[in-house]
Amino acid sequence: MAKRQKTAVRPATHTLFTALLLDVWPDSPSSTTDFGIASQEHYAALQAAVASGAISEERLDELLGDGPGLTKACGGSVIFSTPWDAMRER
């Protein structure tokens, strides 16, 4: 049986993903800022997407700093915006 290789994700991603699974608010400011979590509604939308399997830890890492991508991945129920969005537009 082959071992499944775990993909490395950034610490902020791992902190947020673990918090979403444990139903606790992330204790890292970068986890909330870099993922555009500005309210309980943002947190709940991400948590629902993770719980349903729509967003894996690796996918969440890809979405760090991507407000429009987070909005789409969460079904558009909440609009995400991150400080990185303006830099992506340049």
PDB file of N, CA and C in Angstrom:
ATOM      1  N   MET A   1       0.840  -1.175   0.000  1.00  0.00           N
ATOM      2  CA  MET A   1       0.000   0.000   0.000  1.00  0.00           C
ATOM      3  C   MET A   1       0.883   1.236   0.000  1.00  0.00           C
ATOM      4  N   ALA A   2       0.656   2.124  -0.956  1.00  0.00           N
ATOM      5  CA  ALA A   2       1.455   3.332  -1.081  1.00  0.00           C
ATOM      6  C   ALA A   2       1.020   4.363  -0.048  1.00  0.00           C
ATOM      7  N   LYS A   3       2.015   5.047   0.501  1.00  0.00           N
ATOM      8  CA  LYS A   3       1.711   6.119   1.448  1.00  0.00           C
ATOM      9  C   LYS A   3       1.216   7.334   0.687  1.00  0.00           C
ATOM     10  N   ARG A   4       0.238   7.978   1.236  1.00  0.00           N
ATOM     11  CA  ARG A   4      -0.261   9.206   0.643  1.00  0.00           C
ATOM     12  C   ARG A   4       0.636  10.342   1.093  1.00  0.00           C
ATOM     13  N   GLN A   5       1.166  11.075   0.133  1.00  0.00           N
ATOM     14  CA  GLN A   5       2.050  12.182   0.452  1.00  0.00           C
ATOM     15  C   GLN A   5       1.224  13.401   0.831  1.00  0.00           C
ATOM     16  N   LYS A   6       1.519  13.954   1.984  1.00  0.00           N
ATOM     17  CA  LYS A   6       0.805  15.141   2.453  1.00  0.00           C
ATOM     18  C   LYS A   6       1.412  16.377   1.812  1.00  0.00           C
ATOM     19  N   THR A   7       0.575  17.203   1.252  1.00  0.00           N
ATOM     20  CA  THR A   7       1.010  18.446   0.644  1.00  0.00           C
ATOM     21  C   THR A   7       1.199  19.498   1.726  1.00  0.00           C
ATOM     22  N   ALA A   8       2.303  20.206   1.648  1.00  0.00           N
ATOM     23  CA  ALA A   8       2.566  21.261   2.630  1.00  0.00           C
ATOM     24  C   ALA A   8       1.706  22.475   2.307  1.00  0.00           C
ATOM     25  N   VAL A   9       1.108  23.029   3.333  1.00  0.00           N
ATOM     26  CA  VAL A   9       0.346  24.272   3.185  1.00  0.00           C
ATOM     27  C   VAL A   9       0.943  25.302   4.130  1.00  0.00           C
ATOM     28  N   ARG A  10       0.637  26.548   3.882  1.00  0.00           N
ATOM     29  CA  ARG A  10       1.159  27.617   4.720  1.00  0.00           C
ATOM     30  C   ARG A  10       0.571  27.536   6.130  1.00  0.00           C
ATOM     31  N   PRO A  11       1.317  27.993   7.131  1.00  0.00           N
ATOM     32  CA  PRO A  11       0.839  27.945   8.516  1.00  0.00           C
ATOM     33  C   PRO A  11      -0.520  28.629   8.713  1.00  0.00           C
ATOM     34  N   ALA A  12      -0.738  29.772   8.072  1.00  0.00           N
ATOM     35  CA  ALA A  12      -2.027  30.466   8.223  1.00  0.00           C
ATOM     36  C   ALA A  12      -3.170  29.601   7.710  1.00  0.00           C
ATOM     37  N   THR A  13      -2.921  28.874   6.626  1.00  0.00           N
ATOM     38  CA  THR A  13      -3.943  27.986   6.068  1.00  0.00           C
ATOM     39  C   THR A  13      -4.228  26.844   7.022  1.00  0.00           C
ATOM     40  N   HIS A  14      -3.186  26.230   7.523  1.00  0.00           N
ATOM     41  CA  HIS A  14      -3.359  25.094   8.434  1.00  0.00           C
ATOM     42  C   HIS A  14      -4.101  25.525   9.700  1.00  0.00           C
ATOM     43  N   THR A  15      -3.746  26.693  10.228  1.00  0.00           N
ATOM     44  CA  THR A  15      -4.412  27.214  11.425  1.00  0.00           C
ATOM     45  C   THR A  15      -5.899  27.413  11.165  1.00  0.00           C
ATOM     46  N   LEU A  16      -6.232  28.034  10.033  1.00  0.00           N
ATOM     47  CA  LEU A  16      -7.636  28.281   9.712  1.00  0.00           C
ATOM     48  C   LEU A  16      -8.379  26.975   9.460  1.00  0.00           C
ATOM     49  N   PHE A  17      -7.802  26.084   8.685  1.00  0.00           N
ATOM     50  CA  PHE A  17      -8.473  24.820   8.360  1.00  0.00           C
ATOM     51  C   PHE A  17      -8.775  24.034   9.638  1.00  0.00           C
ATOM     52  N   THR A  18      -7.813  23.964  10.531  1.00  0.00           N
ATOM     53  CA  THR A  18      -8.011  23.259  11.799  1.00  0.00           C
ATOM     54  C   THR A  18      -9.105  23.934  12.628  1.00  0.00           C
ATOM     55  N   ALA A  19      -9.080  25.257  12.693  1.00  0.00           N
ATOM     56  CA  ALA A  19     -10.100  25.993  13.445  1.00  0.00           C
ATOM     57  C   ALA A  19     -11.492  25.733  12.877  1.00  0.00           C
ATOM     58  N   LEU A  20     -11.613  25.709  11.550  1.00  0.00           N
ATOM     59  CA  LEU A  20     -12.914  25.453  10.922  1.00  0.00           C
ATOM     60  C   LEU A  20     -13.420  24.057  11.276  1.00  0.00           C
ATOM     61  N   LEU A  21     -12.530  23.083  11.281  1.00  0.00           N
ATOM     62  CA  LEU A  21     -12.927  21.710  11.629  1.00  0.00           C
ATOM     63  C   LEU A  21     -13.338  21.588  13.095  1.00  0.00           C
ATOM     64  N   LEU A  22     -12.652  22.341  13.963  1.00  0.00           N
ATOM     65  CA  LEU A  22     -12.925  22.266  15.400  1.00  0.00           C
ATOM     66  C   LEU A  22     -14.017  23.237  15.856  1.00  0.00           C
ATOM     67  N   ASP A  23     -14.508  24.043  14.924  1.00  0.00           N
ATOM     68  CA  ASP A  23     -15.543  25.035  15.217  1.00  0.00           C
ATOM     69  C   ASP A  23     -15.095  26.035  16.280  1.00  0.00           C
ATOM     70  N   VAL A  24     -13.885  26.553  16.084  1.00  0.00           N
ATOM     71  CA  VAL A  24     -13.357  27.608  16.941  1.00  0.00           C
ATOM     72  C   VAL A  24     -12.848  28.747  16.054  1.00  0.00           C
ATOM     73  N   TRP A  25     -12.867  29.944  16.595  1.00  0.00           N
ATOM     74  CA  TRP A  25     -12.352  31.093  15.841  1.00  0.00           C
ATOM     75  C   TRP A  25     -10.837  30.963  15.742  1.00  0.00           C
ATOM     76  N   PRO A  26     -10.248  31.163  14.566  1.00  0.00           N
ATOM     77  CA  PRO A  26      -8.790  31.035  14.423  1.00  0.00           C
ATOM     78  C   PRO A  26      -8.055  32.023  15.315  1.00  0.00           C
ATOM     79  N   ASP A  27      -6.990  31.561  15.942  1.00  0.00           N
ATOM     80  CA  ASP A  27      -6.246  32.418  16.865  1.00  0.00           C
ATOM     81  C   ASP A  27      -5.136  33.199  16.176  1.00  0.00           C
ATOM     82  N   SER A  28      -5.107  33.154  14.868  1.00  0.00           N
ATOM     83  CA  SER A  28      -4.075  33.856  14.116  1.00  0.00           C
ATOM     84  C   SER A  28      -4.697  34.995  13.311  1.00  0.00           C
ATOM     85  N   PRO A  29      -4.284  36.241  13.576  1.00  0.00           N
ATOM     86  CA  PRO A  29      -4.821  37.356  12.793  1.00  0.00           C
ATOM     87  C   PRO A  29      -4.592  37.192  11.285  1.00  0.00           C
ATOM     88  N   SER A  30      -3.467  36.598  10.921  1.00  0.00           N
ATOM     89  CA  SER A  30      -3.218  36.417   9.488  1.00  0.00           C
ATOM     90  C   SER A  30      -4.208  35.433   8.871  1.00  0.00           C
ATOM     91  N   SER A  31      -4.679  34.489   9.645  1.00  0.00           N
ATOM     92  CA  SER A  31      -5.666  33.536   9.108  1.00  0.00           C
ATOM     93  C   SER A  31      -6.974  34.233   8.770  1.00  0.00           C
ATOM     94  N   THR A  32      -7.376  35.182   9.576  1.00  0.00           N
ATOM     95  CA  THR A  32      -8.625  35.881   9.283  1.00  0.00           C
ATOM     96  C   THR A  32      -8.419  36.950   8.210  1.00  0.00           C
ATOM     97  N   THR A  33      -7.326  37.667   8.267  1.00  0.00           N
ATOM     98  CA  THR A  33      -7.059  38.738   7.302  1.00  0.00           C
ATOM     99  C   THR A  33      -6.811  38.189   5.900  1.00  0.00           C
ATOM    100  N   ASP A  34      -5.905  37.229   5.782  1.00  0.00           N
ATOM    101  CA  ASP A  34      -5.520  36.713   4.462  1.00  0.00           C
ATOM    102  C   ASP A  34      -6.638  35.943   3.764  1.00  0.00           C
ATOM    103  N   PHE A  35      -7.641  35.517   4.528  1.00  0.00           N
ATOM    104  CA  PHE A  35      -8.769  34.807   3.931  1.00  0.00           C
ATOM    105  C   PHE A  35     -10.042  35.651   3.926  1.00  0.00           C
ATOM    106  N   GLY A  36      -9.937  36.925   4.279  1.00  0.00           N
ATOM    107  CA  GLY A  36     -11.068  37.831   4.186  1.00  0.00           C
ATOM    108  C   GLY A  36     -12.208  37.540   5.135  1.00  0.00           C
ATOM    109  N   ILE A  37     -11.895  36.977   6.288  1.00  0.00           N
ATOM    110  CA  ILE A  37     -12.942  36.667   7.270  1.00  0.00           C
ATOM    111  C   ILE A  37     -13.209  37.929   8.085  1.00  0.00           C
ATOM    112  N   ALA A  38     -14.244  38.652   7.674  1.00  0.00           N
ATOM    113  CA  ALA A  38     -14.577  39.923   8.312  1.00  0.00           C
ATOM    114  C   ALA A  38     -15.779  39.808   9.235  1.00  0.00           C
ATOM    115  N   SER A  39     -16.424  38.654   9.241  1.00  0.00           N
ATOM    116  CA  SER A  39     -17.633  38.499  10.058  1.00  0.00           C
ATOM    117  C   SER A  39     -17.898  37.019  10.329  1.00  0.00           C
ATOM    118  N   GLN A  40     -18.841  36.786  11.201  1.00  0.00           N
ATOM    119  CA  GLN A  40     -19.263  35.411  11.487  1.00  0.00           C
ATOM    120  C   GLN A  40     -19.828  34.757  10.223  1.00  0.00           C
ATOM    121  N   GLU A  41     -20.451  35.539   9.352  1.00  0.00           N
ATOM    122  CA  GLU A  41     -21.009  35.013   8.110  1.00  0.00           C
ATOM    123  C   GLU A  41     -19.906  34.477   7.191  1.00  0.00           C
ATOM    124  N   HIS A  42     -18.790  35.182   7.141  1.00  0.00           N
ATOM    125  CA  HIS A  42     -17.654  34.712   6.339  1.00  0.00           C
ATOM    126  C   HIS A  42     -17.122  33.389   6.899  1.00  0.00           C
ATOM    127  N   TYR A  43     -16.953  33.365   8.213  1.00  0.00           N
ATOM    128  CA  TYR A  43     -16.463  32.155   8.876  1.00  0.00           C
ATOM    129  C   TYR A  43     -17.410  30.987   8.597  1.00  0.00           C
ATOM    130  N   ALA A  44     -18.716  31.223   8.752  1.00  0.00           N
ATOM    131  CA  ALA A  44     -19.706  30.160   8.553  1.00  0.00           C
ATOM    132  C   ALA A  44     -19.712  29.659   7.110  1.00  0.00           C
ATOM    133  N   ALA A  45     -19.553  30.554   6.152  1.00  0.00           N
ATOM    134  CA  ALA A  45     -19.533  30.146   4.746  1.00  0.00           C
ATOM    135  C   ALA A  45     -18.322  29.253   4.457  1.00  0.00           C
ATOM    136  N   LEU A  46     -17.166  29.649   4.983  1.00  0.00           N
ATOM    137  CA  LEU A  46     -15.961  28.825   4.801  1.00  0.00           C
ATOM    138  C   LEU A  46     -16.102  27.487   5.526  1.00  0.00           C
ATOM    139  N   GLN A  47     -16.642  27.529   6.721  1.00  0.00           N
ATOM    140  CA  GLN A  47     -16.799  26.306   7.495  1.00  0.00           C
ATOM    141  C   GLN A  47     -17.727  25.324   6.778  1.00  0.00           C
ATOM    142  N   ALA A  48     -18.805  25.818   6.213  1.00  0.00           N
ATOM    143  CA  ALA A  48     -19.737  24.959   5.484  1.00  0.00           C
ATOM    144  C   ALA A  48     -19.064  24.344   4.257  1.00  0.00           C
ATOM    145  N   ALA A  49     -18.257  25.137   3.552  1.00  0.00           N
ATOM    146  CA  ALA A  49     -17.563  24.632   2.364  1.00  0.00           C
ATOM    147  C   ALA A  49     -16.530  23.566   2.737  1.00  0.00           C
ATOM    148  N   VAL A  50     -15.843  23.761   3.846  1.00  0.00           N
ATOM    149  CA  VAL A  50     -14.867  22.764   4.313  1.00  0.00           C
ATOM    150  C   VAL A  50     -15.589  21.496   4.771  1.00  0.00           C
ATOM    151  N   ALA A  51     -16.656  21.669   5.545  1.00  0.00           N
ATOM    152  CA  ALA A  51     -17.397  20.516   6.080  1.00  0.00           C
ATOM    153  C   ALA A  51     -18.007  19.664   4.966  1.00  0.00           C
ATOM    154  N   SER A  52     -18.420  20.306   3.885  1.00  0.00           N
ATOM    155  CA  SER A  52     -19.042  19.567   2.775  1.00  0.00           C
ATOM    156  C   SER A  52     -18.013  18.911   1.863  1.00  0.00           C
ATOM    157  N   GLY A  53     -16.750  19.278   2.046  1.00  0.00           N
ATOM    158  CA  GLY A  53     -15.696  18.732   1.190  1.00  0.00           C
ATOM    159  C   GLY A  53     -15.456  19.562  -0.058  1.00  0.00           C
ATOM    160  N   ALA A  54     -16.176  20.671  -0.197  1.00  0.00           N
ATOM    161  CA  ALA A  54     -16.001  21.530  -1.366  1.00  0.00           C
ATOM    162  C   ALA A  54     -14.638  22.223  -1.368  1.00  0.00           C
ATOM    163  N   ILE A  55     -14.084  22.452  -0.177  1.00  0.00           N
ATOM    164  CA  ILE A  55     -12.764  23.069  -0.063  1.00  0.00           C
ATOM    165  C   ILE A  55     -11.880  22.188   0.814  1.00  0.00           C
ATOM    166  N   SER A  56     -10.807  21.670   0.230  1.00  0.00           N
ATOM    167  CA  SER A  56      -9.819  20.895   0.984  1.00  0.00           C
ATOM    168  C   SER A  56      -8.788  21.852   1.572  1.00  0.00           C
ATOM    169  N   GLU A  57      -7.928  21.337   2.420  1.00  0.00           N
ATOM    170  CA  GLU A  57      -6.872  22.181   2.989  1.00  0.00           C
ATOM    171  C   GLU A  57      -5.964  22.717   1.888  1.00  0.00           C
ATOM    172  N   GLU A  58      -5.658  21.900   0.913  1.00  0.00           N
ATOM    173  CA  GLU A  58      -4.800  22.331  -0.188  1.00  0.00           C
ATOM    174  C   GLU A  58      -5.481  23.405  -1.026  1.00  0.00           C
ATOM    175  N   ARG A  59      -6.775  23.229  -1.287  1.00  0.00           N
ATOM    176  CA  ARG A  59      -7.524  24.225  -2.065  1.00  0.00           C
ATOM    177  C   ARG A  59      -7.617  25.536  -1.280  1.00  0.00           C
ATOM    178  N   LEU A  60      -7.836  25.438   0.016  1.00  0.00           N
ATOM    179  CA  LEU A  60      -7.888  26.631   0.848  1.00  0.00           C
ATOM    180  C   LEU A  60      -6.565  27.389   0.758  1.00  0.00           C
ATOM    181  N   ASP A  61      -5.462  26.662   0.736  1.00  0.00           N
ATOM    182  CA  ASP A  61      -4.148  27.294   0.619  1.00  0.00           C
ATOM    183  C   ASP A  61      -4.021  28.033  -0.712  1.00  0.00           C
ATOM    184  N   GLU A  62      -4.557  27.451  -1.779  1.00  0.00           N
ATOM    185  CA  GLU A  62      -4.534  28.105  -3.092  1.00  0.00           C
ATOM    186  C   GLU A  62      -5.354  29.395  -3.083  1.00  0.00           C
ATOM    187  N   LEU A  63      -6.382  29.447  -2.236  1.00  0.00           N
ATOM    188  CA  LEU A  63      -7.286  30.594  -2.183  1.00  0.00           C
ATOM    189  C   LEU A  63      -6.829  31.705  -1.242  1.00  0.00           C
ATOM    190  N   LEU A  64      -5.718  31.511  -0.541  1.00  0.00           N
ATOM    191  CA  LEU A  64      -5.211  32.541   0.366  1.00  0.00           C
ATOM    192  C   LEU A  64      -5.013  33.839  -0.410  1.00  0.00           C
ATOM    193  N   GLY A  65      -5.632  34.916   0.065  1.00  0.00           N
ATOM    194  CA  GLY A  65      -5.476  36.215  -0.567  1.00  0.00           C
ATOM    195  C   GLY A  65      -6.319  36.437  -1.810  1.00  0.00           C
ATOM    196  N   ASP A  66      -7.237  35.528  -2.112  1.00  0.00           N
ATOM    197  CA  ASP A  66      -8.049  35.610  -3.329  1.00  0.00           C
ATOM    198  C   ASP A  66      -9.527  35.765  -2.965  1.00  0.00           C
ATOM    199  N   GLY A  67      -9.935  37.006  -2.695  1.00  0.00           N
ATOM    200  CA  GLY A  67     -11.314  37.275  -2.308  1.00  0.00           C
ATOM    201  C   GLY A  67     -12.343  36.738  -3.294  1.00  0.00           C
ATOM    202  N   PRO A  68     -12.210  37.056  -4.597  1.00  0.00           N
ATOM    203  CA  PRO A  68     -13.181  36.534  -5.558  1.00  0.00           C
ATOM    204  C   PRO A  68     -13.193  35.004  -5.619  1.00  0.00           C
ATOM    205  N   GLY A  69     -12.025  34.389  -5.490  1.00  0.00           N
ATOM    206  CA  GLY A  69     -11.953  32.926  -5.495  1.00  0.00           C
ATOM    207  C   GLY A  69     -12.638  32.323  -4.281  1.00  0.00           C
ATOM    208  N   LEU A  70     -12.445  32.955  -3.121  1.00  0.00           N
ATOM    209  CA  LEU A  70     -13.115  32.495  -1.899  1.00  0.00           C
ATOM    210  C   LEU A  70     -14.623  32.658  -2.016  1.00  0.00           C
ATOM    211  N   THR A  71     -15.056  33.784  -2.580  1.00  0.00           N
ATOM    212  CA  THR A  71     -16.491  34.018  -2.770  1.00  0.00           C
ATOM    213  C   THR A  71     -17.092  32.922  -3.645  1.00  0.00           C
ATOM    214  N   LYS A  72     -16.432  32.623  -4.743  1.00  0.00           N
ATOM    215  CA  LYS A  72     -16.922  31.592  -5.665  1.00  0.00           C
ATOM    216  C   LYS A  72     -16.909  30.213  -5.002  1.00  0.00           C
ATOM    217  N   ALA A  73     -15.826  29.891  -4.315  1.00  0.00           N
ATOM    218  CA  ALA A  73     -15.699  28.573  -3.681  1.00  0.00           C
ATOM    219  C   ALA A  73     -16.745  28.347  -2.597  1.00  0.00           C
ATOM    220  N   CYS A  74     -17.218  29.450  -2.007  1.00  0.00           N
ATOM    221  CA  CYS A  74     -18.232  29.353  -0.944  1.00  0.00           C
ATOM    222  C   CYS A  74     -19.646  29.544  -1.496  1.00  0.00           C
ATOM    223  N   GLY A  75     -19.787  29.536  -2.801  1.00  0.00           N
ATOM    224  CA  GLY A  75     -21.104  29.605  -3.411  1.00  0.00           C
ATOM    225  C   GLY A  75     -21.682  30.995  -3.564  1.00  0.00           C
ATOM    226  N   GLY A  76     -20.899  32.022  -3.274  1.00  0.00           N
ATOM    227  CA  GLY A  76     -21.355  33.390  -3.471  1.00  0.00           C
ATOM    228  C   GLY A  76     -22.304  33.922  -2.415  1.00  0.00           C
ATOM    229  N   SER A  77     -22.497  33.164  -1.336  1.00  0.00           N
ATOM    230  CA  SER A  77     -23.430  33.616  -0.293  1.00  0.00           C
ATOM    231  C   SER A  77     -22.893  34.807   0.491  1.00  0.00           C
ATOM    232  N   VAL A  78     -21.578  34.965   0.501  1.00  0.00           N
ATOM    233  CA  VAL A  78     -20.914  36.076   1.188  1.00  0.00           C
ATOM    234  C   VAL A  78     -19.802  36.563   0.255  1.00  0.00           C
ATOM    235  N   ILE A  79     -19.596  37.863   0.215  1.00  0.00           N
ATOM    236  CA  ILE A  79     -18.528  38.429  -0.606  1.00  0.00           C
ATOM    237  C   ILE A  79     -17.263  38.551   0.234  1.00  0.00           C
ATOM    238  N   PHE A  80     -16.202  37.878  -0.201  1.00  0.00           N
ATOM    239  CA  PHE A  80     -14.911  37.927   0.484  1.00  0.00           C
ATOM    240  C   PHE A  80     -14.029  38.974  -0.177  1.00  0.00           C
ATOM    241  N   SER A  81     -13.258  39.665   0.628  1.00  0.00           N
ATOM    242  CA  SER A  81     -12.302  40.651   0.151  1.00  0.00           C
ATOM    243  C   SER A  81     -11.063  40.548   1.030  1.00  0.00           C
ATOM    244  N   THR A  82      -9.900  40.528   0.406  1.00  0.00           N
ATOM    245  CA  THR A  82      -8.654  40.434   1.165  1.00  0.00           C
ATOM    246  C   THR A  82      -7.737  41.601   0.793  1.00  0.00           C
ATOM    247  N   PRO A  83      -6.753  41.897   1.632  1.00  0.00           N
ATOM    248  CA  PRO A  83      -5.795  42.954   1.295  1.00  0.00           C
ATOM    249  C   PRO A  83      -5.009  42.646   0.023  1.00  0.00           C
ATOM    250  N   TRP A  84      -4.929  41.392  -0.350  1.00  0.00           N
ATOM    251  CA  TRP A  84      -4.166  40.979  -1.523  1.00  0.00           C
ATOM    252  C   TRP A  84      -4.905  41.224  -2.835  1.00  0.00           C
ATOM    253  N   ASP A  85      -6.207  41.428  -2.787  1.00  0.00           N
ATOM    254  CA  ASP A  85      -7.005  41.568  -4.001  1.00  0.00           C
ATOM    255  C   ASP A  85      -6.536  42.731  -4.866  1.00  0.00           C
ATOM    256  N   ALA A  86      -6.223  43.857  -4.251  1.00  0.00           N
ATOM    257  CA  ALA A  86      -5.778  45.036  -5.015  1.00  0.00           C
ATOM    258  C   ALA A  86      -4.462  44.761  -5.743  1.00  0.00           C
ATOM    259  N   MET A  87      -3.593  43.989  -5.126  1.00  0.00           N
ATOM    260  CA  MET A  87      -2.308  43.664  -5.769  1.00  0.00           C
ATOM    261  C   MET A  87      -2.505  42.721  -6.944  1.00  0.00           C
ATOM    262  N   ARG A  88      -3.508  41.856  -6.864  1.00  0.00           N
ATOM    263  CA  ARG A  88      -3.785  40.936  -7.971  1.00  0.00           C
ATOM    264  C   ARG A  88      -4.296  41.672  -9.194  1.00  0.00           C
ATOM    265  N   GLU A  89      -4.947  42.817  -8.984  1.00  0.00           N
ATOM    266  CA  GLU A  89      -5.541  43.576 -10.082  1.00  0.00           C
ATOM    267  C   GLU A  89      -4.503  44.346 -10.893  1.00  0.00           C
ATOM    268  N   ARG A  90      -3.321  44.507 -10.357  1.00  0.00           N
ATOM    269  CA  ARG A  90      -2.275  45.301 -11.049  1.00  0.00           C
ATOM    270  C   ARG A  90      -1.715  44.586 -12.233  1.00  0.00           C
TER     271      ARG A  90
END
